[in-house]
Structures are given as C-alpha cells and as structure tokens.
PDB file of N, CA and C in Angstrom:
ATOM      1  N   MET A   1     -25.783  22.194  58.329  1.00  0.00           N
ATOM      2  CA  MET A   1     -25.176  20.922  59.473  1.00  0.00           C
ATOM      3  C   MET A   1     -26.168  19.991  59.342  1.00  0.00           C
ATOM      4  N   LYS A   2     -27.243  20.389  60.288  1.00  0.00           N
ATOM      5  CA  LYS A   2     -28.126  19.430  60.873  1.00  0.00           C
ATOM      6  C   LYS A   2     -28.996  18.650  59.995  1.00  0.00           C
ATOM      7  N   LYS A   3     -29.098  19.203  58.309  1.00  0.00           N
ATOM      8  CA  LYS A   3     -30.130  19.147  57.458  1.00  0.00           C
ATOM      9  C   LYS A   3     -28.752  17.096  56.897  1.00  0.00           C
ATOM     10  N   PHE A   4     -27.654  17.839  56.760  1.00  0.00           N
ATOM     11  CA  PHE A   4     -26.553  16.777  56.156  1.00  0.00           C
ATOM     12  C   PHE A   4     -26.283  15.644  56.805  1.00  0.00           C
ATOM     13  N   ILE A   5     -26.303  15.863  57.966  1.00  0.00           N
ATOM     14  CA  ILE A   5     -26.792  14.582  59.186  1.00  0.00           C
ATOM     15  C   ILE A   5     -27.812  13.949  58.578  1.00  0.00           C
ATOM     16  N   LYS A   6     -29.173  14.373  58.768  1.00  0.00           N
ATOM     17  CA  LYS A   6     -30.229  13.900  58.589  1.00  0.00           C
ATOM     18  C   LYS A   6     -30.466  13.431  57.131  1.00  0.00           C
ATOM     19  N   VAL A   7     -29.515  13.499  56.683  1.00  0.00           N
ATOM     20  CA  VAL A   7     -29.826  13.015  54.922  1.00  0.00           C
ATOM     21  C   VAL A   7     -28.683  11.944  54.947  1.00  0.00           C
ATOM     22  N   TYR A   8     -27.768  12.134  55.575  1.00  0.00           N
ATOM     23  CA  TYR A   8     -26.548  10.589  54.875  1.00  0.00           C
ATOM     24  C   TYR A   8     -26.415   9.719  56.715  1.00  0.00           C
ATOM     25  N   TYR A   9     -26.784  10.479  57.481  1.00  0.00           N
ATOM     26  CA  TYR A   9     -26.623   9.826  58.912  1.00  0.00           C
ATOM     27  C   TYR A   9     -26.539   8.050  58.689  1.00  0.00           C
ATOM     28  N   PRO A  10     -27.688   7.355  57.350  1.00  0.00           N
ATOM     29  CA  PRO A  10     -26.552   5.984  57.147  1.00  0.00           C
ATOM     30  C   PRO A  10     -25.469   5.953  56.966  1.00  0.00           C
ATOM     31  N   ILE A  11     -25.099   6.516  55.773  1.00  0.00           N
ATOM     32  CA  ILE A  11     -23.409   6.158  55.266  1.00  0.00           C
ATOM     33  C   ILE A  11     -22.713   6.376  56.568  1.00  0.00           C
ATOM     34  N   ILE A  12     -22.646   7.233  57.230  1.00  0.00           N
ATOM     35  CA  ILE A  12     -22.209   7.957  58.195  1.00  0.00           C
ATOM     36  C   ILE A  12     -21.587   6.958  59.175  1.00  0.00           C
ATOM     37  N   LEU A  13     -22.874   5.943  59.668  1.00  0.00           N
ATOM     38  CA  LEU A  13     -23.022   4.924  60.764  1.00  0.00           C
ATOM     39  C   LEU A  13     -22.445   3.756  59.671  1.00  0.00           C
ATOM     40  N   ALA A  14     -22.686   3.323  58.670  1.00  0.00           N
ATOM     41  CA  ALA A  14     -22.403   1.994  57.741  1.00  0.00           C
ATOM     42  C   ALA A  14     -20.535   2.293  57.983  1.00  0.00           C
ATOM     43  N   PHE A  15     -19.701   3.600  57.554  1.00  0.00           N
ATOM     44  CA  PHE A  15     -18.728   3.593  57.575  1.00  0.00           C
ATOM     45  C   PHE A  15     -18.281   3.377  58.747  1.00  0.00           C
ATOM     46  N   ILE A  16     -18.353   3.964  59.666  1.00  0.00           N
ATOM     47  CA  ILE A  16     -18.231   3.616  61.427  1.00  0.00           C
ATOM     48  C   ILE A  16     -17.844   2.201  61.564  1.00  0.00           C
ATOM     49  N   CYS A  17     -18.780   1.304  61.115  1.00  0.00           N
ATOM     50  CA  CYS A  17     -19.523   0.124  61.142  1.00  0.00           C
ATOM     51  C   CYS A  17     -18.074  -0.477  60.275  1.00  0.00           C
ATOM     52  N   LEU A  18     -18.056   0.448  59.379  1.00  0.00           N
ATOM     53  CA  LEU A  18     -16.659  -0.564  58.903  1.00  0.00           C
ATOM     54  C   LEU A  18     -15.664  -0.567  58.883  1.00  0.00           C
ATOM     55  N   LEU A  19     -15.357   0.331  59.972  1.00  0.00           N
ATOM     56  CA  LEU A  19     -13.826   0.631  60.300  1.00  0.00           C
ATOM     57  C   LEU A  19     -13.991  -0.026  61.529  1.00  0.00           C
ATOM     58  N   TYR A  20     -14.600  -0.153  62.316  1.00  0.00           N
ATOM     59  CA  TYR A  20     -14.564  -1.097  63.083  1.00  0.00           C
ATOM     60  C   TYR A  20     -14.325  -2.834  62.774  1.00  0.00           C
ATOM     61  N   SER A  21     -15.551  -3.287  61.497  1.00  0.00           N
ATOM     62  CA  SER A  21     -15.282  -4.235  61.523  1.00  0.00           C
ATOM     63  C   SER A  21     -13.363  -4.611  61.148  1.00  0.00           C
ATOM     64  N   VAL A  22     -13.086  -3.582  60.253  1.00  0.00           N
ATOM     65  CA  VAL A  22     -11.864  -4.056  59.358  1.00  0.00           C
ATOM     66  C   VAL A  22     -10.577  -3.429  60.650  1.00  0.00           C
ATOM     67  N   THR A  23     -11.101  -3.012  62.037  1.00  0.00           N
ATOM     68  CA  THR A  23      -9.893  -2.702  63.139  1.00  0.00           C
ATOM     69  C   THR A  23      -9.832  -4.039  63.740  1.00  0.00           C
ATOM     70  N   LEU A  24     -11.344  -4.877  63.586  1.00  0.00           N
ATOM     71  CA  LEU A  24     -11.164  -6.330  64.202  1.00  0.00           C
ATOM     72  C   LEU A  24     -10.186  -7.072  63.350  1.00  0.00           C
ATOM     73  N   GLY A  25     -10.506  -7.266  61.801  1.00  0.00           N
ATOM     74  CA  GLY A  25      -9.865  -7.907  61.269  1.00  0.00           C
ATOM     75  C   GLY A  25      -8.148  -7.927  61.043  1.00  0.00           C
ATOM     76  N   LEU A  26      -7.642  -6.744  61.908  1.00  0.00           N
ATOM     77  CA  LEU A  26      -6.278  -6.285  61.492  1.00  0.00           C
ATOM     78  C   LEU A  26      -5.797  -6.670  62.707  1.00  0.00           C
ATOM     79  N   LEU A  27      -6.543  -6.488  63.603  1.00  0.00           N
ATOM     80  CA  LEU A  27      -5.839  -6.656  64.951  1.00  0.00           C
ATOM     81  C   LEU A  27      -5.929  -8.459  65.103  1.00  0.00           C
ATOM     82  N   GLY A  28      -7.143  -9.356  64.650  1.00  0.00           N
ATOM     83  CA  GLY A  28      -6.743 -10.700  64.024  1.00  0.00           C
ATOM     84  C   GLY A  28      -5.527 -10.844  63.585  1.00  0.00           C
ATOM     85  N   SER A  29      -5.507 -10.684  62.409  1.00  0.00           N
ATOM     86  CA  SER A  29      -4.129 -10.785  61.729  1.00  0.00           C
ATOM     87  C   SER A  29      -2.809 -10.033  62.372  1.00  0.00           C
ATOM     88  N   PHE A  30      -2.781  -9.148  62.864  1.00  0.00           N
ATOM     89  CA  PHE A  30      -1.509  -8.271  64.251  1.00  0.00           C
ATOM     90  C   PHE A  30      -1.370  -9.555  65.076  1.00  0.00           C
ATOM     91  N   LEU A  31      -2.553  -9.708  65.924  1.00  0.00           N
ATOM     92  CA  LEU A  31      -2.649 -10.428  66.736  1.00  0.00           C
ATOM     93  C   LEU A  31      -2.437 -12.240  66.907  1.00  0.00           C
ATOM     94  N   ASP A  32      -2.320 -12.766  65.792  1.00  0.00           N
ATOM     95  CA  ASP A  32      -2.842 -13.619  65.720  1.00  0.00           C
ATOM     96  C   ASP A  32      -3.503 -14.235  66.300  1.00  0.00           C
ATOM     97  N   SER A  33      -4.751 -13.521  66.624  1.00  0.00           N
ATOM     98  CA  SER A  33      -6.344 -14.229  67.653  1.00  0.00           C
ATOM     99  C   SER A  33      -7.598 -14.370  66.712  1.00  0.00           C
ATOM    100  N   PRO A  34      -7.615 -15.917  67.127  1.00  0.00           N
ATOM    101  CA  PRO A  34      -8.714 -16.427  65.993  1.00  0.00           C
ATOM    102  C   PRO A  34     -10.400 -15.682  66.320  1.00  0.00           C
ATOM    103  N   GLU A  35     -10.461 -15.043  67.618  1.00  0.00           N
ATOM    104  CA  GLU A  35     -11.434 -14.349  68.750  1.00  0.00           C
ATOM    105  C   GLU A  35     -11.610 -13.110  67.590  1.00  0.00           C
ATOM    106  N   PHE A  36     -11.233 -11.851  67.505  1.00  0.00           N
ATOM    107  CA  PHE A  36     -10.864 -11.119  66.660  1.00  0.00           C
ATOM    108  C   PHE A  36     -11.348 -11.202  65.563  1.00  0.00           C
ATOM    109  N   THR A  37     -10.591 -12.102  64.610  1.00  0.00           N
ATOM    110  CA  THR A  37     -11.247 -12.720  63.114  1.00  0.00           C
ATOM    111  C   THR A  37     -12.100 -12.574  63.215  1.00  0.00           C
ATOM    112  N   GLU A  38     -13.265 -13.914  64.022  1.00  0.00           N
ATOM    113  CA  GLU A  38     -14.332 -13.893  64.150  1.00  0.00           C
ATOM    114  C   GLU A  38     -15.481 -13.088  64.551  1.00  0.00           C
ATOM    115  N   GLN A  39     -15.138 -12.069  65.108  1.00  0.00           N
ATOM    116  CA  GLN A  39     -15.776 -10.643  65.512  1.00  0.00           C
ATOM    117  C   GLN A  39     -15.691 -10.383  63.892  1.00  0.00           C
ATOM    118  N   ALA A  40     -14.478  -9.953  63.249  1.00  0.00           N
ATOM    119  CA  ALA A  40     -14.690  -8.718  61.470  1.00  0.00           C
ATOM    120  C   ALA A  40     -15.595  -9.737  60.795  1.00  0.00           C
ATOM    121  N   GLN A  41     -15.771 -10.594  61.139  1.00  0.00           N
ATOM    122  CA  GLN A  41     -16.370 -11.680  59.829  1.00  0.00           C
ATOM    123  C   GLN A  41     -17.956 -10.891  60.839  1.00  0.00           C
ATOM    124  N   TYR A  42     -18.293 -11.687  61.438  1.00  0.00           N
ATOM    125  CA  TYR A  42     -19.773 -11.053  62.112  1.00  0.00           C
ATOM    126  C   TYR A  42     -19.912  -9.745  61.910  1.00  0.00           C
ATOM    127  N   THR A  43     -19.326  -8.668  62.208  1.00  0.00           N
ATOM    128  CA  THR A  43     -19.294  -7.632  61.864  1.00  0.00           C
ATOM    129  C   THR A  43     -19.480  -6.950  60.838  1.00  0.00           C
ATOM    130  N   ALA A  44     -19.050  -7.124  59.952  1.00  0.00           N
ATOM    131  CA  ALA A  44     -18.620  -7.449  57.676  1.00  0.00           C
ATOM    132  C   ALA A  44     -20.300  -7.255  57.865  1.00  0.00           C
ATOM    133  N   HIS A  45     -21.482  -7.771  58.455  1.00  0.00           N
ATOM    134  CA  HIS A  45     -22.432  -7.718  57.546  1.00  0.00           C
ATOM    135  C   HIS A  45     -23.430  -6.706  58.410  1.00  0.00           C
ATOM    136  N   TRP A  46     -22.754  -5.902  58.648  1.00  0.00           N
ATOM    137  CA  TRP A  46     -23.250  -4.386  59.359  1.00  0.00           C
ATOM    138  C   TRP A  46     -23.703  -3.159  58.876  1.00  0.00           C
ATOM    139  N   PRO A  47     -22.486  -2.934  57.723  1.00  0.00           N
ATOM    140  CA  PRO A  47     -23.036  -1.455  56.763  1.00  0.00           C
ATOM    141  C   PRO A  47     -23.669  -1.861  56.040  1.00  0.00           C
ATOM    142  N   ALA A  48     -23.658  -3.305  54.806  1.00  0.00           N
ATOM    143  CA  ALA A  48     -24.309  -3.370  54.317  1.00  0.00           C
ATOM    144  C   ALA A  48     -26.125  -3.579  54.506  1.00  0.00           C
ATOM    145  N   THR A  49     -26.403  -4.133  56.168  1.00  0.00           N
ATOM    146  CA  THR A  49     -27.194  -4.123  56.456  1.00  0.00           C
ATOM    147  C   THR A  49     -28.606  -2.808  56.589  1.00  0.00           C
ATOM    148  N   ILE A  50     -27.711  -1.912  57.573  1.00  0.00           N
ATOM    149  CA  ILE A  50     -27.654  -0.811  57.726  1.00  0.00           C
ATOM    150  C   ILE A  50     -28.129   0.557  56.429  1.00  0.00           C
ATOM    151  N   LEU A  51     -27.668   0.227  55.897  1.00  0.00           N
ATOM    152  CA  LEU A  51     -27.840   0.960  54.364  1.00  0.00           C
ATOM    153  C   LEU A  51     -29.068   0.163  53.373  1.00  0.00           C
ATOM    154  N   LEU A  52     -29.275  -0.909  53.591  1.00  0.00           N
ATOM    155  CA  LEU A  52     -30.722  -1.379  53.124  1.00  0.00           C
ATOM    156  C   LEU A  52     -31.754  -1.199  53.827  1.00  0.00           C
ATOM    157  N   PHE A  53     -31.888  -1.741  55.231  1.00  0.00           N
ATOM    158  CA  PHE A  53     -32.836  -0.657  55.875  1.00  0.00           C
ATOM    159  C   PHE A  53     -32.668   0.959  55.897  1.00  0.00           C
ATOM    160  N   ALA A  54     -31.799   1.621  55.588  1.00  0.00           N
ATOM    161  CA  ALA A  54     -32.240   2.813  55.355  1.00  0.00           C
ATOM    162  C   ALA A  54     -33.133   2.519  53.841  1.00  0.00           C
ATOM    163  N   ILE A  55     -32.230   2.691  52.920  1.00  0.00           N
ATOM    164  CA  ILE A  55     -33.385   2.693  51.893  1.00  0.00           C
ATOM    165  C   ILE A  55     -34.200   2.133  51.980  1.00  0.00           C
ATOM    166  N   ALA A  56     -34.670   1.026  52.437  1.00  0.00           N
ATOM    167  CA  ALA A  56     -36.135   0.425  52.798  1.00  0.00           C
ATOM    168  C   ALA A  56     -37.403   1.685  53.784  1.00  0.00           C
ATOM    169  N   ILE A  57     -36.388   2.122  54.571  1.00  0.00           N
ATOM    170  CA  ILE A  57     -37.472   3.190  55.192  1.00  0.00           C
ATOM    171  C   ILE A  57     -38.035   3.793  54.173  1.00  0.00           C
ATOM    172  N   ARG A  58     -36.913   4.459  53.893  1.00  0.00           N
ATOM    173  CA  ARG A  58     -37.071   5.969  52.920  1.00  0.00           C
ATOM    174  C   ARG A  58     -38.085   5.731  51.822  1.00  0.00           C
ATOM    175  N   GLN A  59     -37.980   4.648  50.852  1.00  0.00           N
ATOM    176  CA  GLN A  59     -39.054   4.022  49.882  1.00  0.00           C
ATOM    177  C   GLN A  59     -40.481   4.370  50.753  1.00  0.00           C
ATOM    178  N   ARG A  60     -40.371   3.172  51.720  1.00  0.00           N
ATOM    179  CA  ARG A  60     -41.658   3.784  52.239  1.00  0.00           C
ATOM    180  C   ARG A  60     -41.957   4.940  52.921  1.00  0.00           C
ATOM    181  N   ARG A  61     -40.819   5.599  53.159  1.00  0.00           N
ATOM    182  CA  ARG A  61     -41.704   7.202  53.524  1.00  0.00           C
ATOM    183  C   ARG A  61     -42.443   7.570  52.388  1.00  0.00           C
ATOM    184  N   ASN A  62     -41.449   7.554  51.745  1.00  0.00           N
ATOM    185  CA  ASN A  62     -41.728   8.779  50.223  1.00  0.00           C
ATOM    186  C   ASN A  62     -43.179   8.139  49.655  1.00  0.00           C
ATOM    187  N   PHE A  63     -43.212   6.594  49.895  1.00  0.00           N
ATOM    188  CA  PHE A  63     -44.223   5.888  48.966  1.00  0.00           C
ATOM    189  C   PHE A  63     -45.932   6.581  50.034  1.00  0.00           C
ATOM    190  N   TYR A  64     -45.572   6.178  51.013  1.00  0.00           N
ATOM    191  CA  TYR A  64     -46.714   7.121  52.148  1.00  0.00           C
ATOM    192  C   TYR A  64     -47.146   8.271  51.638  1.00  0.00           C
ATOM    193  N   ASN A  65     -45.539   9.457  51.497  1.00  0.00           N
ATOM    194  CA  ASN A  65     -45.983  10.644  51.502  1.00  0.00           C
ATOM    195  C   ASN A  65     -46.498  10.904  50.040  1.00  0.00           C
ATOM    196  N   SER A  66     -46.056  10.490  48.908  1.00  0.00           N
ATOM    197  CA  SER A  66     -46.292  10.557  47.682  1.00  0.00           C
ATOM    198  C   SER A  66     -48.248  10.027  48.208  1.00  0.00           C
ATOM    199  N   LYS A  67     -48.787   9.066  48.769  1.00  0.00           N
ATOM    200  CA  LYS A  67     -50.055   8.499  48.720  1.00  0.00           C
ATOM    201  C   LYS A  67     -50.723   9.790  49.252  1.00  0.00           C
ATOM    202  N   ASN A  68     -50.358   9.647  50.201  1.00  0.00           N
ATOM    203  CA  ASN A  68     -51.206  11.420  51.481  1.00  0.00           C
ATOM    204  C   ASN A  68     -51.285  12.654  50.617  1.00  0.00           C
ATOM    205  N   GLN A  69     -51.117  13.012  49.569  1.00  0.00           N
ATOM    206  CA  GLN A  69     -50.565  13.920  48.758  1.00  0.00           C
ATOM    207  C   GLN A  69     -51.515  14.007  47.742  1.00  0.00           C
TER     208      GLN A  69
END
C-alpha cells in the first residue's frame, strides 16, 4: 500500500481536486450562486497543474539519477 501511494499520489491528489471543483460547480448551478461558479472555474486548473508538476519532478529525478550512476 505504501508503494502504491508513493507512486500514485499525484493522481489521487488531482482526483480529489477534480471532485472539489465539480462540487463547487454543481453547488453554483443548484444554488444559482455566481460565487461558487467562479471558485469552480479557479479550482478547475488545479488537477492539471498537479499532474504537470509531478511529471516534471519525476523527469528531473530520473535524469539526475541516471546521470549519477
């Protein structure tokens, strides 16, 4: 389980952020509140950003590990 979380933590975190954004969007449409809709638009970028940073960090880590061997 520890290895699974270590490998897939960016995907788990991005999925939680996606659910948060979708919840805010649904609350905004059900409650007819522009405040929730604006927050949903802001948080919609979080999952992609988390995954892109995770990819960049892993590429750098792999590059430095292969370079030092």
